[in-house]
Every structure is written in C-alpha cells, then in structure tokens.
PDB file of all heavy atoms in Angstrom:
ATOM      1  N   ILE A   1      49.916 -27.973  33.605  1.00  0.00           N
ATOM      2  CA  ILE A   1      49.340 -29.000  32.786  1.00  0.00           C
ATOM      3  C   ILE A   1      49.262 -28.497  31.211  1.00  0.00           C
ATOM      4  O   ILE A   1      49.401 -29.299  30.272  1.00  0.00           O
ATOM      5  CB  ILE A   1      47.846 -29.411  33.200  1.00  0.00           C
ATOM      6  CG1 ILE A   1      47.402 -30.657  32.459  1.00  0.00           C
ATOM      7  CG2 ILE A   1      46.925 -28.194  33.120  1.00  0.00           C
ATOM      8  CD1 ILE A   1      48.241 -31.829  32.731  1.00  0.00           C
ATOM      9  N   VAL A   2      49.179 -27.181  31.003  1.00  0.00           N
ATOM     10  CA  VAL A   2      49.111 -26.665  29.699  1.00  0.00           C
ATOM     11  C   VAL A   2      50.214 -27.012  28.832  1.00  0.00           C
ATOM     12  O   VAL A   2      50.147 -27.589  27.721  1.00  0.00           O
ATOM     13  CB  VAL A   2      48.753 -25.115  29.595  1.00  0.00           C
ATOM     14  CG1 VAL A   2      48.815 -24.588  28.261  1.00  0.00           C
ATOM     15  CG2 VAL A   2      47.380 -24.932  30.126  1.00  0.00           C
ATOM     16  N   PRO A   3      51.538 -26.591  29.267  1.00  0.00           N
ATOM     17  CA  PRO A   3      52.634 -27.064  28.442  1.00  0.00           C
ATOM     18  C   PRO A   3      52.802 -28.482  28.319  1.00  0.00           C
ATOM     19  O   PRO A   3      53.319 -29.007  27.253  1.00  0.00           O
ATOM     20  CB  PRO A   3      53.855 -26.370  29.072  1.00  0.00           C
ATOM     21  CG  PRO A   3      53.494 -25.924  30.426  1.00  0.00           C
ATOM     22  CD  PRO A   3      51.882 -25.862  30.371  1.00  0.00           C
ATOM     23  N   VAL A   4      52.413 -29.337  29.239  1.00  0.00           N
ATOM     24  CA  VAL A   4      52.474 -30.743  29.251  1.00  0.00           C
ATOM     25  C   VAL A   4      51.572 -31.257  28.082  1.00  0.00           C
ATOM     26  O   VAL A   4      51.997 -32.054  27.233  1.00  0.00           O
ATOM     27  CB  VAL A   4      52.096 -31.403  30.625  1.00  0.00           C
ATOM     28  CG1 VAL A   4      51.952 -32.914  30.385  1.00  0.00           C
ATOM     29  CG2 VAL A   4      53.058 -31.103  31.632  1.00  0.00           C
ATOM     30  N   LEU A   5      50.377 -30.683  28.025  1.00  0.00           N
ATOM     31  CA  LEU A   5      49.425 -31.081  26.947  1.00  0.00           C
ATOM     32  C   LEU A   5      49.947 -30.605  25.534  1.00  0.00           C
ATOM     33  O   LEU A   5      49.927 -31.427  24.580  1.00  0.00           O
ATOM     34  CB  LEU A   5      48.061 -30.464  27.182  1.00  0.00           C
ATOM     35  CG  LEU A   5      47.245 -31.084  28.351  1.00  0.00           C
ATOM     36  CD1 LEU A   5      46.042 -30.234  28.672  1.00  0.00           C
ATOM     37  CD2 LEU A   5      46.977 -32.532  28.168  1.00  0.00           C
ATOM     38  N   VAL A   6      50.315 -29.373  25.427  1.00  0.00           N
ATOM     39  CA  VAL A   6      50.919 -28.836  24.187  1.00  0.00           C
ATOM     40  C   VAL A   6      52.058 -29.598  23.756  1.00  0.00           C
ATOM     41  O   VAL A   6      52.182 -29.996  22.483  1.00  0.00           O
ATOM     42  CB  VAL A   6      51.161 -27.306  24.329  1.00  0.00           C
ATOM     43  CG1 VAL A   6      52.027 -26.798  23.098  1.00  0.00           C
ATOM     44  CG2 VAL A   6      50.022 -26.559  24.625  1.00  0.00           C
ATOM     45  N   PHE A   7      53.077 -29.906  24.584  1.00  0.00           N
ATOM     46  CA  PHE A   7      54.201 -30.545  24.180  1.00  0.00           C
ATOM     47  C   PHE A   7      54.119 -32.077  23.969  1.00  0.00           C
ATOM     48  O   PHE A   7      54.936 -32.758  23.554  1.00  0.00           O
ATOM     49  CB  PHE A   7      55.446 -30.245  25.098  1.00  0.00           C
ATOM     50  CG  PHE A   7      55.979 -28.899  24.896  1.00  0.00           C
ATOM     51  CD1 PHE A   7      55.684 -27.859  25.773  1.00  0.00           C
ATOM     52  CD2 PHE A   7      56.664 -28.540  23.723  1.00  0.00           C
ATOM     53  CE1 PHE A   7      56.201 -26.533  25.536  1.00  0.00           C
ATOM     54  CE2 PHE A   7      57.255 -27.244  23.587  1.00  0.00           C
ATOM     55  CZ  PHE A   7      56.922 -26.297  24.517  1.00  0.00           C
ATOM     56  N   ALA A   8      52.884 -32.586  24.312  1.00  0.00           N
ATOM     57  CA  ALA A   8      52.550 -33.862  23.953  1.00  0.00           C
ATOM     58  C   ALA A   8      51.745 -33.981  22.557  1.00  0.00           C
ATOM     59  O   ALA A   8      51.908 -34.792  21.804  1.00  0.00           O
ATOM     60  CB  ALA A   8      51.774 -34.597  25.071  1.00  0.00           C
ATOM     61  N   ILE A   9      50.753 -33.066  22.551  1.00  0.00           N
ATOM     62  CA  ILE A   9      49.877 -33.116  21.339  1.00  0.00           C
ATOM     63  C   ILE A   9      50.653 -32.666  20.100  1.00  0.00           C
ATOM     64  O   ILE A   9      50.467 -33.287  19.040  1.00  0.00           O
ATOM     65  CB  ILE A   9      48.661 -32.310  21.603  1.00  0.00           C
ATOM     66  CG1 ILE A   9      47.746 -32.888  22.738  1.00  0.00           C
ATOM     67  CG2 ILE A   9      47.805 -32.017  20.382  1.00  0.00           C
ATOM     68  CD1 ILE A   9      46.669 -32.080  23.251  1.00  0.00           C
ATOM     69  N   VAL A  10      51.335 -31.496  20.130  1.00  0.00           N
ATOM     70  CA  VAL A  10      51.850 -31.036  18.926  1.00  0.00           C
ATOM     71  C   VAL A  10      52.832 -31.998  18.214  1.00  0.00           C
ATOM     72  O   VAL A  10      52.784 -32.327  17.089  1.00  0.00           O
ATOM     73  CB  VAL A  10      52.452 -29.528  19.159  1.00  0.00           C
ATOM     74  CG1 VAL A  10      53.266 -29.168  18.026  1.00  0.00           C
ATOM     75  CG2 VAL A  10      51.316 -28.617  19.563  1.00  0.00           C
ATOM     76  N   PRO A  11      53.852 -32.545  18.948  1.00  0.00           N
ATOM     77  CA  PRO A  11      54.682 -33.416  18.430  1.00  0.00           C
ATOM     78  C   PRO A  11      54.003 -34.729  17.793  1.00  0.00           C
ATOM     79  O   PRO A  11      54.417 -35.314  16.938  1.00  0.00           O
ATOM     80  CB  PRO A  11      55.843 -33.796  19.403  1.00  0.00           C
ATOM     81  CG  PRO A  11      55.640 -32.714  20.369  1.00  0.00           C
ATOM     82  CD  PRO A  11      54.284 -32.154  20.327  1.00  0.00           C
ATOM     83  N   SER A  12      52.966 -35.095  18.544  1.00  0.00           N
ATOM     84  CA  SER A  12      52.226 -36.292  18.192  1.00  0.00           C
ATOM     85  C   SER A  12      51.598 -36.086  16.875  1.00  0.00           C
ATOM     86  O   SER A  12      51.713 -36.907  16.014  1.00  0.00           O
ATOM     87  CB  SER A  12      51.146 -36.659  19.177  1.00  0.00           C
ATOM     88  OG  SER A  12      51.673 -36.873  20.468  1.00  0.00           O
ATOM     89  N   LEU A  13      50.909 -34.985  16.715  1.00  0.00           N
ATOM     90  CA  LEU A  13      50.290 -34.658  15.341  1.00  0.00           C
ATOM     91  C   LEU A  13      51.364 -34.438  14.315  1.00  0.00           C
ATOM     92  O   LEU A  13      51.109 -34.776  13.135  1.00  0.00           O
ATOM     93  CB  LEU A  13      49.354 -33.485  15.528  1.00  0.00           C
ATOM     94  CG  LEU A  13      48.231 -33.701  16.425  1.00  0.00           C
ATOM     95  CD1 LEU A  13      47.319 -32.479  16.649  1.00  0.00           C
ATOM     96  CD2 LEU A  13      47.390 -34.902  16.154  1.00  0.00           C
ATOM     97  N   ALA A  14      52.409 -33.820  14.658  1.00  0.00           N
ATOM     98  CA  ALA A  14      53.441 -33.606  13.571  1.00  0.00           C
ATOM     99  C   ALA A  14      54.107 -34.962  13.109  1.00  0.00           C
ATOM    100  O   ALA A  14      54.299 -35.148  11.921  1.00  0.00           O
ATOM    101  CB  ALA A  14      54.610 -32.736  14.172  1.00  0.00           C
ATOM    102  N   GLY A  15      54.308 -35.856  14.010  1.00  0.00           N
ATOM    103  CA  GLY A  15      54.730 -37.211  13.735  1.00  0.00           C
ATOM    104  C   GLY A  15      53.756 -37.987  12.896  1.00  0.00           C
ATOM    105  O   GLY A  15      54.160 -38.662  11.917  1.00  0.00           O
ATOM    106  N   TRP A  16      52.519 -37.855  13.165  1.00  0.00           N
ATOM    107  CA  TRP A  16      51.480 -38.385  12.389  1.00  0.00           C
ATOM    108  C   TRP A  16      51.479 -37.896  10.933  1.00  0.00           C
ATOM    109  O   TRP A  16      51.409 -38.690   9.972  1.00  0.00           O
ATOM    110  CB  TRP A  16      50.098 -38.281  13.035  1.00  0.00           C
ATOM    111  CG  TRP A  16      48.906 -38.960  12.413  1.00  0.00           C
ATOM    112  CD1 TRP A  16      48.807 -39.532  11.202  1.00  0.00           C
ATOM    113  CD2 TRP A  16      47.585 -39.149  13.087  1.00  0.00           C
ATOM    114  NE1 TRP A  16      47.586 -39.988  11.076  1.00  0.00           N
ATOM    115  CE2 TRP A  16      46.793 -39.811  12.154  1.00  0.00           C
ATOM    116  CE3 TRP A  16      47.021 -38.733  14.235  1.00  0.00           C
ATOM    117  CZ2 TRP A  16      45.467 -40.149  12.497  1.00  0.00           C
ATOM    118  CZ3 TRP A  16      45.770 -39.128  14.527  1.00  0.00           C
ATOM    119  CH2 TRP A  16      44.993 -39.783  13.674  1.00  0.00           C
ATOM    120  N   ALA A  17      51.655 -36.541  10.906  1.00  0.00           N
ATOM    121  CA  ALA A  17      51.614 -35.990   9.514  1.00  0.00           C
ATOM    122  C   ALA A  17      52.842 -36.491   8.684  1.00  0.00           C
ATOM    123  O   ALA A  17      52.739 -36.629   7.529  1.00  0.00           O
ATOM    124  CB  ALA A  17      51.594 -34.403   9.724  1.00  0.00           C
ATOM    125  N   LEU A  18      53.975 -36.450   9.400  1.00  0.00           N
ATOM    126  CA  LEU A  18      55.181 -36.921   8.696  1.00  0.00           C
ATOM    127  C   LEU A  18      54.983 -38.377   8.199  1.00  0.00           C
ATOM    128  O   LEU A  18      55.395 -38.692   7.116  1.00  0.00           O
ATOM    129  CB  LEU A  18      56.396 -36.786   9.636  1.00  0.00           C
ATOM    130  CG  LEU A  18      57.710 -37.346   9.064  1.00  0.00           C
ATOM    131  CD1 LEU A  18      58.149 -36.654   7.755  1.00  0.00           C
ATOM    132  CD2 LEU A  18      58.794 -37.378  10.080  1.00  0.00           C
ATOM    133  N   LEU A  19      54.529 -39.208   9.053  1.00  0.00           N
ATOM    134  CA  LEU A  19      54.250 -40.656   8.633  1.00  0.00           C
ATOM    135  C   LEU A  19      53.272 -40.759   7.455  1.00  0.00           C
ATOM    136  O   LEU A  19      53.493 -41.446   6.567  1.00  0.00           O
ATOM    137  CB  LEU A  19      53.814 -41.460   9.893  1.00  0.00           C
ATOM    138  CG  LEU A  19      53.547 -42.943   9.538  1.00  0.00           C
ATOM    139  CD1 LEU A  19      54.776 -43.624   8.899  1.00  0.00           C
ATOM    140  CD2 LEU A  19      53.066 -43.688  10.793  1.00  0.00           C
ATOM    141  N   ALA A  20      52.163 -39.890   7.497  1.00  0.00           N
ATOM    142  CA  ALA A  20      51.312 -39.993   6.291  1.00  0.00           C
ATOM    143  C   ALA A  20      51.945 -39.506   5.142  1.00  0.00           C
ATOM    144  O   ALA A  20      51.724 -40.057   4.056  1.00  0.00           O
ATOM    145  CB  ALA A  20      50.066 -39.099   6.747  1.00  0.00           C
ATOM    146  N   ALA A  21      52.804 -38.415   5.257  1.00  0.00           N
ATOM    147  CA  ALA A  21      53.386 -37.896   4.011  1.00  0.00           C
ATOM    148  C   ALA A  21      54.439 -38.895   3.505  1.00  0.00           C
ATOM    149  O   ALA A  21      54.479 -39.177   2.294  1.00  0.00           O
ATOM    150  CB  ALA A  21      54.175 -36.594   4.326  1.00  0.00           C
ATOM    151  N   LEU A  22      55.055 -39.563   4.392  1.00  0.00           N
ATOM    152  CA  LEU A  22      56.084 -40.614   3.955  1.00  0.00           C
ATOM    153  C   LEU A  22      55.422 -41.763   3.295  1.00  0.00           C
ATOM    154  O   LEU A  22      55.874 -42.302   2.384  1.00  0.00           O
ATOM    155  CB  LEU A  22      56.966 -41.082   5.142  1.00  0.00           C
ATOM    156  CG  LEU A  22      58.137 -40.114   5.606  1.00  0.00           C
ATOM    157  CD1 LEU A  22      58.613 -40.596   6.944  1.00  0.00           C
ATOM    158  CD2 LEU A  22      59.076 -40.000   4.643  1.00  0.00           C
ATOM    159  N   GLU A  23      54.265 -42.167   3.790  1.00  0.00           N
ATOM    160  CA  GLU A  23      53.484 -43.373   3.317  1.00  0.00           C
ATOM    161  C   GLU A  23      52.982 -42.839   1.851  1.00  0.00           C
ATOM    162  O   GLU A  23      52.912 -43.731   0.993  1.00  0.00           O
ATOM    163  CB  GLU A  23      52.386 -43.710   4.103  1.00  0.00           C
ATOM    164  CG  GLU A  23      52.743 -44.321   5.304  1.00  0.00           C
ATOM    165  CD  GLU A  23      51.640 -44.728   6.371  1.00  0.00           C
ATOM    166  OE1 GLU A  23      50.640 -43.912   6.384  1.00  0.00           O
ATOM    167  OE2 GLU A  23      51.758 -45.682   7.023  1.00  0.00           O
ATOM    168  N   ARG A  24      52.692 -41.644   1.650  1.00  0.00           N
ATOM    169  CA  ARG A  24      52.234 -41.179   0.315  1.00  0.00           C
ATOM    170  C   ARG A  24      53.368 -41.013  -0.658  1.00  0.00           C
ATOM    171  O   ARG A  24      53.253 -41.499  -1.829  1.00  0.00           O
ATOM    172  CB  ARG A  24      51.456 -39.860   0.528  1.00  0.00           C
ATOM    173  CG  ARG A  24      51.006 -39.397  -0.875  1.00  0.00           C
ATOM    174  CD  ARG A  24      50.052 -38.237  -0.673  1.00  0.00           C
ATOM    175  NE  ARG A  24      49.550 -37.935  -1.954  1.00  0.00           N
ATOM    176  CZ  ARG A  24      48.430 -37.353  -2.184  1.00  0.00           C
ATOM    177  NH1 ARG A  24      47.616 -37.060  -1.259  1.00  0.00           N
ATOM    178  NH2 ARG A  24      48.036 -37.132  -3.406  1.00  0.00           N
ATOM    179  N   PHE A  25      54.531 -40.514  -0.277  1.00  0.00           N
ATOM    180  CA  PHE A  25      55.523 -40.279  -1.212  1.00  0.00           C
ATOM    181  C   PHE A  25      56.803 -41.203  -1.162  1.00  0.00           C
ATOM    182  O   PHE A  25      57.623 -41.149  -2.120  1.00  0.00           O
ATOM    183  CB  PHE A  25      56.032 -38.717  -0.990  1.00  0.00           C
ATOM    184  CG  PHE A  25      54.973 -37.766  -1.174  1.00  0.00           C
ATOM    185  CD1 PHE A  25      54.440 -37.108  -0.069  1.00  0.00           C
ATOM    186  CD2 PHE A  25      54.406 -37.636  -2.450  1.00  0.00           C
ATOM    187  CE1 PHE A  25      53.338 -36.189  -0.297  1.00  0.00           C
ATOM    188  CE2 PHE A  25      53.373 -36.656  -2.599  1.00  0.00           C
ATOM    189  CZ  PHE A  25      52.896 -36.015  -1.605  1.00  0.00           C
ATOM    190  N   ALA A  26      56.926 -41.990  -0.101  1.00  0.00           N
ATOM    191  CA  ALA A  26      57.982 -42.883  -0.047  1.00  0.00           C
ATOM    192  C   ALA A  26      57.530 -44.237   0.573  1.00  0.00           C
ATOM    193  O   ALA A  26      58.039 -44.669   1.653  1.00  0.00           O
ATOM    194  CB  ALA A  26      59.149 -42.292   0.732  1.00  0.00           C
ATOM    195  N   ALA A  27      56.439 -44.758   0.032  1.00  0.00           N
ATOM    196  CA  ALA A  27      55.713 -45.866   0.713  1.00  0.00           C
ATOM    197  C   ALA A  27      56.602 -47.019   1.043  1.00  0.00           C
ATOM    198  O   ALA A  27      56.448 -47.589   2.149  1.00  0.00           O
ATOM    199  CB  ALA A  27      54.579 -46.297  -0.131  1.00  0.00           C
ATOM    200  N   ALA A  28      57.567 -47.377   0.215  1.00  0.00           N
ATOM    201  CA  ALA A  28      58.313 -48.613   0.589  1.00  0.00           C
ATOM    202  C   ALA A  28      59.245 -48.469   1.756  1.00  0.00           C
ATOM    203  O   ALA A  28      59.552 -49.481   2.421  1.00  0.00           O
ATOM    204  CB  ALA A  28      59.251 -48.899  -0.746  1.00  0.00           C
ATOM    205  N   ARG A  29      59.650 -47.251   2.034  1.00  0.00           N
ATOM    206  CA  ARG A  29      60.500 -47.081   3.146  1.00  0.00           C
ATOM    207  C   ARG A  29      59.885 -46.129   4.321  1.00  0.00           C
ATOM    208  O   ARG A  29      60.617 -45.691   5.233  1.00  0.00           O
ATOM    209  CB  ARG A  29      61.810 -46.381   2.649  1.00  0.00           C
ATOM    210  CG  ARG A  29      62.416 -47.153   1.546  1.00  0.00           C
ATOM    211  CD  ARG A  29      63.811 -46.775   1.237  1.00  0.00           C
ATOM    212  NE  ARG A  29      64.675 -46.837   2.303  1.00  0.00           N
ATOM    213  CZ  ARG A  29      65.553 -47.914   2.522  1.00  0.00           C
ATOM    214  NH1 ARG A  29      65.531 -48.940   1.764  1.00  0.00           N
ATOM    215  NH2 ARG A  29      66.351 -47.906   3.507  1.00  0.00           N
ATOM    216  N   ALA A  30      58.673 -45.965   4.268  1.00  0.00           N
ATOM    217  CA  ALA A  30      57.953 -44.964   5.202  1.00  0.00           C
ATOM    218  C   ALA A  30      58.162 -45.371   6.645  1.00  0.00           C
ATOM    219  O   ALA A  30      58.571 -44.502   7.457  1.00  0.00           O
ATOM    220  CB  ALA A  30      56.484 -44.919   4.957  1.00  0.00           C
ATOM    221  N   ARG A  31      57.940 -46.663   6.921  1.00  0.00           N
ATOM    222  CA  ARG A  31      58.114 -47.169   8.329  1.00  0.00           C
ATOM    223  C   ARG A  31      59.668 -46.958   8.840  1.00  0.00           C
ATOM    224  O   ARG A  31      59.824 -46.399   9.872  1.00  0.00           O
ATOM    225  CB  ARG A  31      57.810 -48.581   8.463  1.00  0.00           C
ATOM    226  CG  ARG A  31      58.019 -49.091   9.852  1.00  0.00           C
ATOM    227  CD  ARG A  31      57.569 -50.596   9.972  1.00  0.00           C
ATOM    228  NE  ARG A  31      56.209 -50.687  10.217  1.00  0.00           N
ATOM    229  CZ  ARG A  31      55.416 -51.505   9.502  1.00  0.00           C
ATOM    230  NH1 ARG A  31      55.845 -52.266   8.614  1.00  0.00           N
ATOM    231  NH2 ARG A  31      54.091 -51.508   9.814  1.00  0.00           N
ATOM    232  N   THR A  32      60.435 -47.297   8.011  1.00  0.00           N
ATOM    233  CA  THR A  32      61.938 -47.210   8.466  1.00  0.00           C
ATOM    234  C   THR A  32      62.317 -45.708   8.624  1.00  0.00           C
ATOM    235  O   THR A  32      62.924 -45.380   9.621  1.00  0.00           O
ATOM    236  CB  THR A  32      62.704 -48.000   7.471  1.00  0.00           C
ATOM    237  OG1 THR A  32      62.387 -49.280   7.220  1.00  0.00           O
ATOM    238  CG2 THR A  32      64.258 -47.842   7.843  1.00  0.00           C
ATOM    239  N   VAL A  33      62.042 -45.027   7.579  1.00  0.00           N
ATOM    240  CA  VAL A  33      62.383 -43.544   7.657  1.00  0.00           C
ATOM    241  C   VAL A  33      61.771 -42.907   8.911  1.00  0.00           C
ATOM    242  O   VAL A  33      62.406 -42.161   9.625  1.00  0.00           O
ATOM    243  CB  VAL A  33      62.089 -42.864   6.385  1.00  0.00           C
ATOM    244  CG1 VAL A  33      62.300 -41.292   6.491  1.00  0.00           C
ATOM    245  CG2 VAL A  33      62.965 -43.333   5.230  1.00  0.00           C
ATOM    246  N   TRP A  34      60.492 -43.014   8.992  1.00  0.00           N
ATOM    247  CA  TRP A  34      59.684 -42.438  10.130  1.00  0.00           C
ATOM    248  C   TRP A  34      60.355 -42.809  11.491  1.00  0.00           C
ATOM    249  O   TRP A  34      60.564 -42.091  12.326  1.00  0.00           O
ATOM    250  CB  TRP A  34      58.308 -42.795  10.096  1.00  0.00           C
ATOM    251  CG  TRP A  34      57.540 -42.008  11.152  1.00  0.00           C
ATOM    252  CD1 TRP A  34      57.085 -40.822  11.004  1.00  0.00           C
ATOM    253  CD2 TRP A  34      57.384 -42.433  12.574  1.00  0.00           C
ATOM    254  NE1 TRP A  34      56.514 -40.329  12.246  1.00  0.00           N
ATOM    255  CE2 TRP A  34      56.677 -41.324  13.129  1.00  0.00           C
ATOM    256  CE3 TRP A  34      57.635 -43.484  13.236  1.00  0.00           C
ATOM    257  CZ2 TRP A  34      56.317 -41.348  14.501  1.00  0.00           C
ATOM    258  CZ3 TRP A  34      57.261 -43.588  14.535  1.00  0.00           C
ATOM    259  CH2 TRP A  34      56.643 -42.441  15.218  1.00  0.00           C
ATOM    260  N   THR A  35      60.674 -44.187  11.641  1.00  0.00           N
ATOM    261  CA  THR A  35      61.235 -44.662  12.906  1.00  0.00           C
ATOM    262  C   THR A  35      62.563 -43.978  13.166  1.00  0.00           C
ATOM    263  O   THR A  35      62.839 -43.548  14.367  1.00  0.00           O
ATOM    264  CB  THR A  35      61.296 -46.204  12.875  1.00  0.00           C
ATOM    265  OG1 THR A  35      60.058 -46.740  12.697  1.00  0.00           O
ATOM    266  CG2 THR A  35      61.749 -46.671  14.231  1.00  0.00           C
ATOM    267  N   VAL A  36      63.395 -43.935  12.223  1.00  0.00           N
ATOM    268  CA  VAL A  36      64.711 -43.191  12.332  1.00  0.00           C
ATOM    269  C   VAL A  36      64.529 -41.847  12.831  1.00  0.00           C
ATOM    270  O   VAL A  36      65.130 -41.229  13.729  1.00  0.00           O
ATOM    271  CB  VAL A  36      65.664 -43.380  11.201  1.00  0.00           C
ATOM    272  CG1 VAL A  36      66.825 -42.583  11.161  1.00  0.00           C
ATOM    273  CG2 VAL A  36      65.904 -44.888  10.936  1.00  0.00           C
TER     274      VAL A  36
END
C-alpha cells in the first residue's frame, strides 16, 4: 500500500502545483498546456 499511496499522492500534488503555476504565469493557455 505504501508505494501505491506515494505514487498516487506525489504526482497528484505535482500536477496541482504545475496547474497553479501555469494559471499564474500563462493564464490564457493554462488549461490546454496542463492537459497536454
């Protein structure tokens, strides 16, 4: 269960951080860039 939790939580939080950064610095294309 430990690696399952780690490999679900860490990429989730990294994705959230990337989306927040994109919304701050490239707001017009944040959704598209993040999805790609």
